[in-house]
PDB file of N, CA and C in Angstrom:
ATOM      1  N   UNK A   1      -6.014   1.798   5.367  1.00  0.00           N
ATOM      2  CA  UNK A   1      -7.379   1.730   4.941  1.00  0.00           C
ATOM      3  C   UNK A   1      -8.200   1.126   6.074  1.00  0.00           C
ATOM      4  N   UNK A   2      -9.366   1.682   6.300  1.00  0.00           N
ATOM      5  CA  UNK A   2     -10.272   1.094   7.271  1.00  0.00           C
ATOM      6  C   UNK A   2     -11.088   0.009   6.583  1.00  0.00           C
ATOM      7  N   UNK A   3     -11.227  -1.099   7.253  1.00  0.00           N
ATOM      8  CA  UNK A   3     -11.942  -2.237   6.691  1.00  0.00           C
ATOM      9  C   UNK A   3     -12.885  -2.819   7.735  1.00  0.00           C
ATOM     10  N   UNK A   4     -13.857  -3.544   7.271  1.00  0.00           N
ATOM     11  CA  UNK A   4     -14.813  -4.155   8.197  1.00  0.00           C
ATOM     12  C   UNK A   4     -14.208  -5.389   8.852  1.00  0.00           C
ATOM     13  N   UNK A   5     -14.637  -5.624  10.077  1.00  0.00           N
ATOM     14  CA  UNK A   5     -14.267  -6.840  10.801  1.00  0.00           C
ATOM     15  C   UNK A   5     -15.535  -7.352  11.501  1.00  0.00           C
ATOM     16  N   UNK A   6     -15.511  -8.567  12.036  1.00  0.00           N
ATOM     17  CA  UNK A   6     -16.713  -9.112  12.671  1.00  0.00           C
ATOM     18  C   UNK A   6     -17.292  -8.198  13.756  1.00  0.00           C
ATOM     19  N   UNK A   7     -18.558  -8.374  14.016  1.00  0.00           N
ATOM     20  CA  UNK A   7     -19.318  -7.639  15.034  1.00  0.00           C
ATOM     21  C   UNK A   7     -19.567  -6.184  14.653  1.00  0.00           C
ATOM     22  N   UNK A   8     -19.737  -5.940  13.345  1.00  0.00           N
ATOM     23  CA  UNK A   8     -20.092  -4.613  12.857  1.00  0.00           C
ATOM     24  C   UNK A   8     -19.137  -3.514  13.296  1.00  0.00           C
ATOM     25  N   UNK A   9     -17.837  -3.812  13.225  1.00  0.00           N
ATOM     26  CA  UNK A   9     -16.834  -2.812  13.579  1.00  0.00           C
ATOM     27  C   UNK A   9     -15.831  -2.665  12.445  1.00  0.00           C
ATOM     28  N   UNK A  10     -14.942  -1.704  12.606  1.00  0.00           N
ATOM     29  CA  UNK A  10     -13.921  -1.417  11.615  1.00  0.00           C
ATOM     30  C   UNK A  10     -12.556  -1.391  12.287  1.00  0.00           C
ATOM     31  N   UNK A  11     -11.540  -1.571  11.482  1.00  0.00           N
ATOM     32  CA  UNK A  11     -10.177  -1.403  11.994  1.00  0.00           C
ATOM     33  C   UNK A  11      -9.287  -0.961  10.858  1.00  0.00           C
ATOM     34  N   UNK A  12      -8.152  -0.388  11.206  1.00  0.00           N
ATOM     35  CA  UNK A  12      -7.162   0.038  10.238  1.00  0.00           C
ATOM     36  C   UNK A  12      -6.374  -1.189   9.782  1.00  0.00           C
ATOM     37  N   UNK A  13      -6.198  -1.332   8.491  1.00  0.00           N
ATOM     38  CA  UNK A  13      -5.441  -2.453   7.956  1.00  0.00           C
ATOM     39  C   UNK A  13      -4.490  -1.923   6.895  1.00  0.00           C
ATOM     40  N   UNK A  14      -3.375  -2.592   6.721  1.00  0.00           N
ATOM     41  CA  UNK A  14      -2.414  -2.142   5.713  1.00  0.00           C
ATOM     42  C   UNK A  14      -1.632  -3.336   5.182  1.00  0.00           C
ATOM     43  N   UNK A  15      -0.903  -3.100   4.128  1.00  0.00           N
ATOM     44  CA  UNK A  15      -0.058  -4.134   3.555  1.00  0.00           C
ATOM     45  C   UNK A  15      -0.853  -5.242   2.907  1.00  0.00           C
ATOM     46  N   UNK A  16      -0.292  -6.446   2.938  1.00  0.00           N
ATOM     47  CA  UNK A  16      -0.937  -7.579   2.283  1.00  0.00           C
ATOM     48  C   UNK A  16      -2.244  -7.965   2.950  1.00  0.00           C
ATOM     49  N   UNK A  17      -2.440  -7.545   4.208  1.00  0.00           N
ATOM     50  CA  UNK A  17      -3.688  -7.859   4.900  1.00  0.00           C
ATOM     51  C   UNK A  17      -4.892  -7.258   4.190  1.00  0.00           C
ATOM     52  N   UNK A  18      -4.694  -6.157   3.516  1.00  0.00           N
ATOM     53  CA  UNK A  18      -5.794  -5.532   2.788  1.00  0.00           C
ATOM     54  C   UNK A  18      -5.578  -5.627   1.275  1.00  0.00           C
ATOM     55  N   UNK A  19      -4.341  -5.621   0.834  1.00  0.00           N
ATOM     56  CA  UNK A  19      -4.060  -5.649  -0.608  1.00  0.00           C
ATOM     57  C   UNK A  19      -4.529  -6.956  -1.248  1.00  0.00           C
ATOM     58  N   UNK A  20      -4.277  -8.063  -0.596  1.00  0.00           N
ATOM     59  CA  UNK A  20      -4.644  -9.359  -1.174  1.00  0.00           C
ATOM     60  C   UNK A  20      -6.145  -9.482  -1.415  1.00  0.00           C
ATOM     61  N   UNK A  21      -6.994  -9.200  -0.414  1.00  0.00           N
ATOM     62  CA  UNK A  21      -8.426  -9.321  -0.697  1.00  0.00           C
ATOM     63  C   UNK A  21      -8.925  -8.281  -1.696  1.00  0.00           C
ATOM     64  N   UNK A  22      -8.330  -7.097  -1.723  1.00  0.00           N
ATOM     65  CA  UNK A  22      -8.755  -6.085  -2.687  1.00  0.00           C
ATOM     66  C   UNK A  22      -8.443  -6.533  -4.112  1.00  0.00           C
ATOM     67  N   UNK A  23      -7.222  -6.977  -4.352  1.00  0.00           N
ATOM     68  CA  UNK A  23      -6.825  -7.407  -5.694  1.00  0.00           C
ATOM     69  C   UNK A  23      -7.584  -8.666  -6.092  1.00  0.00           C
ATOM     70  N   UNK A  24      -7.773  -9.580  -5.149  1.00  0.00           N
ATOM     71  CA  UNK A  24      -8.537 -10.798  -5.452  1.00  0.00           C
ATOM     72  C   UNK A  24      -9.972 -10.464  -5.840  1.00  0.00           C
ATOM     73  N   UNK A  25     -10.568  -9.513  -5.149  1.00  0.00           N
ATOM     74  CA  UNK A  25     -11.926  -9.100  -5.473  1.00  0.00           C
ATOM     75  C   UNK A  25     -12.028  -8.468  -6.850  1.00  0.00           C
ATOM     76  N   UNK A  26     -11.051  -7.641  -7.192  1.00  0.00           N
ATOM     77  CA  UNK A  26     -11.049  -7.017  -8.520  1.00  0.00           C
ATOM     78  C   UNK A  26     -10.823  -8.071  -9.600  1.00  0.00           C
ATOM     79  N   UNK A  27      -9.939  -9.033  -9.325  1.00  0.00           N
ATOM     80  CA  UNK A  27      -9.728 -10.130 -10.279  1.00  0.00           C
ATOM     81  C   UNK A  27     -11.023 -10.916 -10.474  1.00  0.00           C
ATOM     82  N   UNK A  28     -11.757 -11.130  -9.395  1.00  0.00           N
ATOM     83  CA  UNK A  28     -13.033 -11.848  -9.493  1.00  0.00           C
ATOM     84  C   UNK A  28     -14.049 -11.051 -10.316  1.00  0.00           C
ATOM     85  N   UNK A  29     -14.063  -9.733 -10.161  1.00  0.00           N
ATOM     86  CA  UNK A  29     -14.954  -8.898 -10.972  1.00  0.00           C
ATOM     87  C   UNK A  29     -14.620  -9.023 -12.458  1.00  0.00           C
ATOM     88  N   UNK A  30     -13.329  -9.002 -12.758  1.00  0.00           N
ATOM     89  CA  UNK A  30     -12.904  -9.132 -14.161  1.00  0.00           C
ATOM     90  C   UNK A  30     -13.327 -10.492 -14.708  1.00  0.00           C
ATOM     91  N   UNK A  31     -13.053 -11.557 -13.940  1.00  0.00           N
ATOM     92  CA  UNK A  31     -13.410 -12.909 -14.397  1.00  0.00           C
ATOM     93  C   UNK A  31     -14.914 -13.088 -14.529  1.00  0.00           C
ATOM     94  N   UNK A  32     -15.701 -12.430 -13.679  1.00  0.00           N
ATOM     95  CA  UNK A  32     -17.152 -12.567 -13.782  1.00  0.00           C
ATOM     96  C   UNK A  32     -17.681 -11.879 -15.043  1.00  0.00           C
ATOM     97  N   UNK A  33     -17.005 -10.842 -15.447  1.00  0.00           N
ATOM     98  CA  UNK A  33     -17.425 -10.119 -16.652  1.00  0.00           C
ATOM     99  C   UNK A  33     -16.858 -10.762 -17.924  1.00  0.00           C
ATOM    100  N   UNK A  34     -15.668 -11.342 -17.801  1.00  0.00           N
ATOM    101  CA  UNK A  34     -14.994 -12.003 -18.934  1.00  0.00           C
ATOM    102  C   UNK A  34     -14.561 -13.402 -18.505  1.00  0.00           C
ATOM    103  N   UNK A  35     -15.499 -14.346 -18.387  1.00  0.00           N
ATOM    104  CA  UNK A  35     -15.192 -15.661 -17.815  1.00  0.00           C
ATOM    105  C   UNK A  35     -14.218 -16.509 -18.628  1.00  0.00           C
ATOM    106  N   UNK A  36     -14.008 -16.195 -19.882  1.00  0.00           N
ATOM    107  CA  UNK A  36     -13.097 -17.009 -20.700  1.00  0.00           C
ATOM    108  C   UNK A  36     -11.632 -16.581 -20.576  1.00  0.00           C
ATOM    109  N   UNK A  37     -11.373 -15.502 -19.853  1.00  0.00           N
ATOM    110  CA  UNK A  37      -9.989 -15.071 -19.684  1.00  0.00           C
ATOM    111  C   UNK A  37      -9.213 -16.076 -18.844  1.00  0.00           C
ATOM    112  N   UNK A  38      -7.957 -16.272 -19.196  1.00  0.00           N
ATOM    113  CA  UNK A  38      -7.060 -17.103 -18.405  1.00  0.00           C
ATOM    114  C   UNK A  38      -6.528 -16.274 -17.246  1.00  0.00           C
ATOM    115  N   UNK A  39      -6.043 -16.951 -16.211  1.00  0.00           N
ATOM    116  CA  UNK A  39      -5.490 -16.247 -15.052  1.00  0.00           C
ATOM    117  C   UNK A  39      -4.365 -15.300 -15.466  1.00  0.00           C
ATOM    118  N   UNK A  40      -3.534 -15.726 -16.403  1.00  0.00           N
ATOM    119  CA  UNK A  40      -2.428 -14.868 -16.851  1.00  0.00           C
ATOM    120  C   UNK A  40      -2.940 -13.609 -17.539  1.00  0.00           C
ATOM    121  N   UNK A  41      -4.073 -13.713 -18.210  1.00  0.00           N
ATOM    122  CA  UNK A  41      -4.664 -12.539 -18.864  1.00  0.00           C
ATOM    123  C   UNK A  41      -5.233 -11.575 -17.830  1.00  0.00           C
ATOM    124  N   UNK A  42      -5.860 -12.112 -16.801  1.00  0.00           N
ATOM    125  CA  UNK A  42      -6.386 -11.268 -15.729  1.00  0.00           C
ATOM    126  C   UNK A  42      -5.231 -10.552 -15.031  1.00  0.00           C
ATOM    127  N   UNK A  43      -4.158 -11.276 -14.784  1.00  0.00           N
ATOM    128  CA  UNK A  43      -2.982 -10.664 -14.150  1.00  0.00           C
ATOM    129  C   UNK A  43      -2.451  -9.522 -15.014  1.00  0.00           C
ATOM    130  N   UNK A  44      -2.370  -9.738 -16.307  1.00  0.00           N
ATOM    131  CA  UNK A  44      -1.870  -8.701 -17.205  1.00  0.00           C
ATOM    132  C   UNK A  44      -2.759  -7.456 -17.154  1.00  0.00           C
ATOM    133  N   UNK A  45      -4.069  -7.663 -17.118  1.00  0.00           N
ATOM    134  CA  UNK A  45      -5.006  -6.538 -17.007  1.00  0.00           C
ATOM    135  C   UNK A  45      -4.764  -5.785 -15.702  1.00  0.00           C
ATOM    136  N   UNK A  46      -4.647  -6.524 -14.609  1.00  0.00           N
ATOM    137  CA  UNK A  46      -4.403  -5.888 -13.311  1.00  0.00           C
ATOM    138  C   UNK A  46      -3.095  -5.100 -13.303  1.00  0.00           C
ATOM    139  N   UNK A  47      -2.051  -5.687 -13.849  1.00  0.00           N
ATOM    140  CA  UNK A  47      -0.737  -5.036 -13.846  1.00  0.00           C
ATOM    141  C   UNK A  47      -0.698  -3.801 -14.748  1.00  0.00           C
ATOM    142  N   UNK A  48      -1.395  -3.867 -15.876  1.00  0.00           N
ATOM    143  CA  UNK A  48      -1.313  -2.773 -16.847  1.00  0.00           C
ATOM    144  C   UNK A  48      -2.326  -1.655 -16.612  1.00  0.00           C
ATOM    145  N   UNK A  49      -3.376  -1.930 -15.878  1.00  0.00           N
ATOM    146  CA  UNK A  49      -4.428  -0.928 -15.738  1.00  0.00           C
ATOM    147  C   UNK A  49      -4.344  -0.143 -14.433  1.00  0.00           C
ATOM    148  N   UNK A  50      -3.324  -0.385 -13.655  1.00  0.00           N
ATOM    149  CA  UNK A  50      -3.188   0.342 -12.397  1.00  0.00           C
ATOM    150  C   UNK A  50      -2.924   1.819 -12.617  1.00  0.00           C
ATOM    151  N   UNK A  51      -2.970   2.556 -11.535  1.00  0.00           N
ATOM    152  CA  UNK A  51      -2.727   3.992 -11.572  1.00  0.00           C
ATOM    153  C   UNK A  51      -1.373   4.271 -10.932  1.00  0.00           C
ATOM    154  N   UNK A  52      -0.531   5.005 -11.641  1.00  0.00           N
ATOM    155  CA  UNK A  52       0.791   5.362 -11.127  1.00  0.00           C
ATOM    156  C   UNK A  52       0.702   6.608 -10.257  1.00  0.00           C
ATOM    157  N   UNK A  53       1.415   6.596  -9.156  1.00  0.00           N
ATOM    158  CA  UNK A  53       1.511   7.753  -8.279  1.00  0.00           C
ATOM    159  C   UNK A  53       2.983   8.008  -8.011  1.00  0.00           C
ATOM    160  N   UNK A  54       3.394   9.226  -8.180  1.00  0.00           N
ATOM    161  CA  UNK A  54       4.771   9.609  -7.890  1.00  0.00           C
ATOM    162  C   UNK A  54       4.802  10.122  -6.452  1.00  0.00           C
ATOM    163  N   UNK A  55       4.775   9.191  -5.497  1.00  0.00           N
ATOM    164  CA  UNK A  55       4.725   9.565  -4.083  1.00  0.00           C
ATOM    165  C   UNK A  55       5.766   8.775  -3.301  1.00  0.00           C
ATOM    166  N   UNK A  56       6.161   9.345  -2.179  1.00  0.00           N
ATOM    167  CA  UNK A  56       7.004   8.640  -1.232  1.00  0.00           C
ATOM    168  C   UNK A  56       6.111   8.116  -0.116  1.00  0.00           C
ATOM    169  N   UNK A  57       6.435   6.940   0.375  1.00  0.00           N
ATOM    170  CA  UNK A  57       5.672   6.340   1.464  1.00  0.00           C
ATOM    171  C   UNK A  57       6.607   6.005   2.620  1.00  0.00           C
ATOM    172  N   UNK A  58       6.044   5.993   3.803  1.00  0.00           N
ATOM    173  CA  UNK A  58       6.840   5.691   4.990  1.00  0.00           C
ATOM    174  C   UNK A  58       7.016   4.193   5.129  1.00  0.00           C
ATOM    175  N   UNK A  59       8.246   3.779   5.391  1.00  0.00           N
ATOM    176  CA  UNK A  59       8.554   2.363   5.552  1.00  0.00           C
ATOM    177  C   UNK A  59       9.384   2.198   6.821  1.00  0.00           C
ATOM    178  N   UNK A  60       9.068   1.178   7.613  1.00  0.00           N
ATOM    179  CA  UNK A  60       9.837   0.874   8.812  1.00  0.00           C
ATOM    180  C   UNK A  60      10.901  -0.152   8.447  1.00  0.00           C
ATOM    181  N   UNK A  61      12.138   0.143   8.768  1.00  0.00           N
ATOM    182  CA  UNK A  61      13.245  -0.770   8.464  1.00  0.00           C
ATOM    183  C   UNK A  61      13.579  -1.611   9.691  1.00  0.00           C
ATOM    184  N   UNK A  62      14.549  -2.508   9.547  1.00  0.00           N
ATOM    185  CA  UNK A  62      14.844  -3.511  10.573  1.00  0.00           C
ATOM    186  C   UNK A  62      15.087  -2.943  11.966  1.00  0.00           C
ATOM    187  N   UNK A  63      15.714  -1.781  12.065  1.00  0.00           N
ATOM    188  CA  UNK A  63      15.985  -1.217  13.394  1.00  0.00           C
ATOM    189  C   UNK A  63      14.834  -0.349  13.913  1.00  0.00           C
ATOM    190  N   UNK A  64      13.670  -0.495  13.297  1.00  0.00           N
ATOM    191  CA  UNK A  64      12.445   0.216  13.661  1.00  0.00           C
ATOM    192  C   UNK A  64      12.471   1.709  13.349  1.00  0.00           C
ATOM    193  N   UNK A  65      13.463   2.165  12.599  1.00  0.00           N
ATOM    194  CA  UNK A  65      13.431   3.552  12.155  1.00  0.00           C
ATOM    195  C   UNK A  65      12.542   3.637  10.922  1.00  0.00           C
ATOM    196  N   UNK A  66      12.030   4.803  10.683  1.00  0.00           N
ATOM    197  CA  UNK A  66      11.139   5.019   9.552  1.00  0.00           C
ATOM    198  C   UNK A  66      11.870   5.831   8.492  1.00  0.00           C
ATOM    199  N   UNK A  67      11.730   5.394   7.249  1.00  0.00           N
ATOM    200  CA  UNK A  67      12.328   6.107   6.128  1.00  0.00           C
ATOM    201  C   UNK A  67      11.257   6.324   5.060  1.00  0.00           C
ATOM    202  N   UNK A  68      11.493   7.291   4.214  1.00  0.00           N
ATOM    203  CA  UNK A  68      10.594   7.558   3.102  1.00  0.00           C
ATOM    204  C   UNK A  68      11.209   6.957   1.839  1.00  0.00           C
ATOM    205  N   UNK A  69      10.403   6.200   1.097  1.00  0.00           N
ATOM    206  CA  UNK A  69      10.876   5.579  -0.145  1.00  0.00           C
ATOM    207  C   UNK A  69       9.836   5.790  -1.238  1.00  0.00           C
ATOM    208  N   UNK A  70      10.266   5.843  -2.492  1.00  0.00           N
ATOM    209  CA  UNK A  70       9.288   5.961  -3.579  1.00  0.00           C
ATOM    210  C   UNK A  70       8.398   4.729  -3.619  1.00  0.00           C
ATOM    211  N   UNK A  71       7.101   4.944  -3.789  1.00  0.00           N
ATOM    212  CA  UNK A  71       6.165   3.820  -3.863  1.00  0.00           C
ATOM    213  C   UNK A  71       6.585   2.846  -4.957  1.00  0.00           C
ATOM    214  N   UNK A  72       7.084   3.368  -6.066  1.00  0.00           N
ATOM    215  CA  UNK A  72       7.472   2.505  -7.190  1.00  0.00           C
ATOM    216  C   UNK A  72       8.571   1.509  -6.804  1.00  0.00           C
ATOM    217  N   UNK A  73       9.337   1.802  -5.746  1.00  0.00           N
ATOM    218  CA  UNK A  73      10.356   0.860  -5.274  1.00  0.00           C
ATOM    219  C   UNK A  73       9.740  -0.309  -4.504  1.00  0.00           C
ATOM    220  N   UNK A  74       8.507  -0.165  -4.058  1.00  0.00           N
ATOM    221  CA  UNK A  74       7.870  -1.188  -3.238  1.00  0.00           C
ATOM    222  C   UNK A  74       6.839  -2.004  -3.990  1.00  0.00           C
ATOM    223  N   UNK A  75       6.539  -1.615  -5.199  1.00  0.00           N
ATOM    224  CA  UNK A  75       5.496  -2.261  -5.985  1.00  0.00           C
ATOM    225  C   UNK A  75       6.082  -2.765  -7.293  1.00  0.00           C
ATOM    226  N   UNK A  76       5.804  -3.988  -7.636  1.00  0.00           N
ATOM    227  CA  UNK A  76       6.351  -4.566  -8.870  1.00  0.00           C
ATOM    228  C   UNK A  76       5.981  -3.743 -10.093  1.00  0.00           C
ATOM    229  N   UNK A  77       4.730  -3.309 -10.155  1.00  0.00           N
ATOM    230  CA  UNK A  77       4.290  -2.522 -11.308  1.00  0.00           C
ATOM    231  C   UNK A  77       4.499  -1.026 -11.100  1.00  0.00           C
ATOM    232  N   UNK A  78       4.707  -0.613  -9.848  1.00  0.00           N
ATOM    233  CA  UNK A  78       4.792   0.805  -9.541  1.00  0.00           C
ATOM    234  C   UNK A  78       3.431   1.475  -9.554  1.00  0.00           C
ATOM    235  N   UNK A  79       2.374   0.670  -9.547  1.00  0.00           N
ATOM    236  CA  UNK A  79       1.012   1.191  -9.659  1.00  0.00           C
ATOM    237  C   UNK A  79       0.139   0.688  -8.518  1.00  0.00           C
ATOM    238  N   UNK A  80      -1.026   1.335  -8.398  1.00  0.00           N
ATOM    239  CA  UNK A  80      -2.054   0.912  -7.460  1.00  0.00           C
ATOM    240  C   UNK A  80      -3.196   0.339  -8.265  1.00  0.00           C
ATOM    241  N   UNK A  81      -3.725  -0.803  -7.832  1.00  0.00           N
ATOM    242  CA  UNK A  81      -4.779  -1.495  -8.572  1.00  0.00           C
ATOM    243  C   UNK A  81      -5.958  -0.554  -8.822  1.00  0.00           C
ATOM    244  N   UNK A  82      -6.587  -0.740  -9.981  1.00  0.00           N
ATOM    245  CA  UNK A  82      -7.656   0.149 -10.414  1.00  0.00           C
ATOM    246  C   UNK A  82      -8.905  -0.671 -10.720  1.00  0.00           C
ATOM    247  N   UNK A  83      -9.996  -0.347 -10.050  1.00  0.00           N
ATOM    248  CA  UNK A  83     -11.250  -1.056 -10.328  1.00  0.00           C
ATOM    249  C   UNK A  83     -12.251  -0.180 -11.063  1.00  0.00           C
ATOM    250  N   UNK A  84     -11.751   0.837 -11.732  1.00  0.00           N
ATOM    251  CA  UNK A  84     -12.626   1.721 -12.488  1.00  0.00           C
ATOM    252  C   UNK A  84     -13.395   0.950 -13.552  1.00  0.00           C
ATOM    253  N   UNK A  85     -14.672   1.292 -13.784  1.00  0.00           N
ATOM    254  CA  UNK A  85     -15.439   0.610 -14.816  1.00  0.00           C
ATOM    255  C   UNK A  85     -14.934   0.928 -16.227  1.00  0.00           C
ATOM    256  N   UNK A  86     -13.976   1.818 -16.336  1.00  0.00           N
ATOM    257  CA  UNK A  86     -13.451   2.216 -17.652  1.00  0.00           C
ATOM    258  C   UNK A  86     -12.217   1.415 -18.037  1.00  0.00           C
ATOM    259  N   UNK A  87     -12.031   0.255 -17.462  1.00  0.00           N
ATOM    260  CA  UNK A  87     -10.847  -0.561 -17.783  1.00  0.00           C
ATOM    261  C   UNK A  87     -10.835  -0.979 -19.234  1.00  0.00           C
TER     262      UNK A  87
END
């Protein structure tokens, strides 16, 4: 994913470098709309409302070779976070 960085530029980012701020931002949106929710409730919403994709993704292993693995093997929920207003 391309993301903004200082000095009005963009760069490619992946993994937790982009996932953490994206999920944190969506959690903040949920909490701003439903301020009485507990953190565990927000987590449950995030985990249950994701979108499942039956795809293989490229992963680099210890010897720097690349292999294809199911996304569901790399994600606890097997889903991608969803910020749709229809949650």
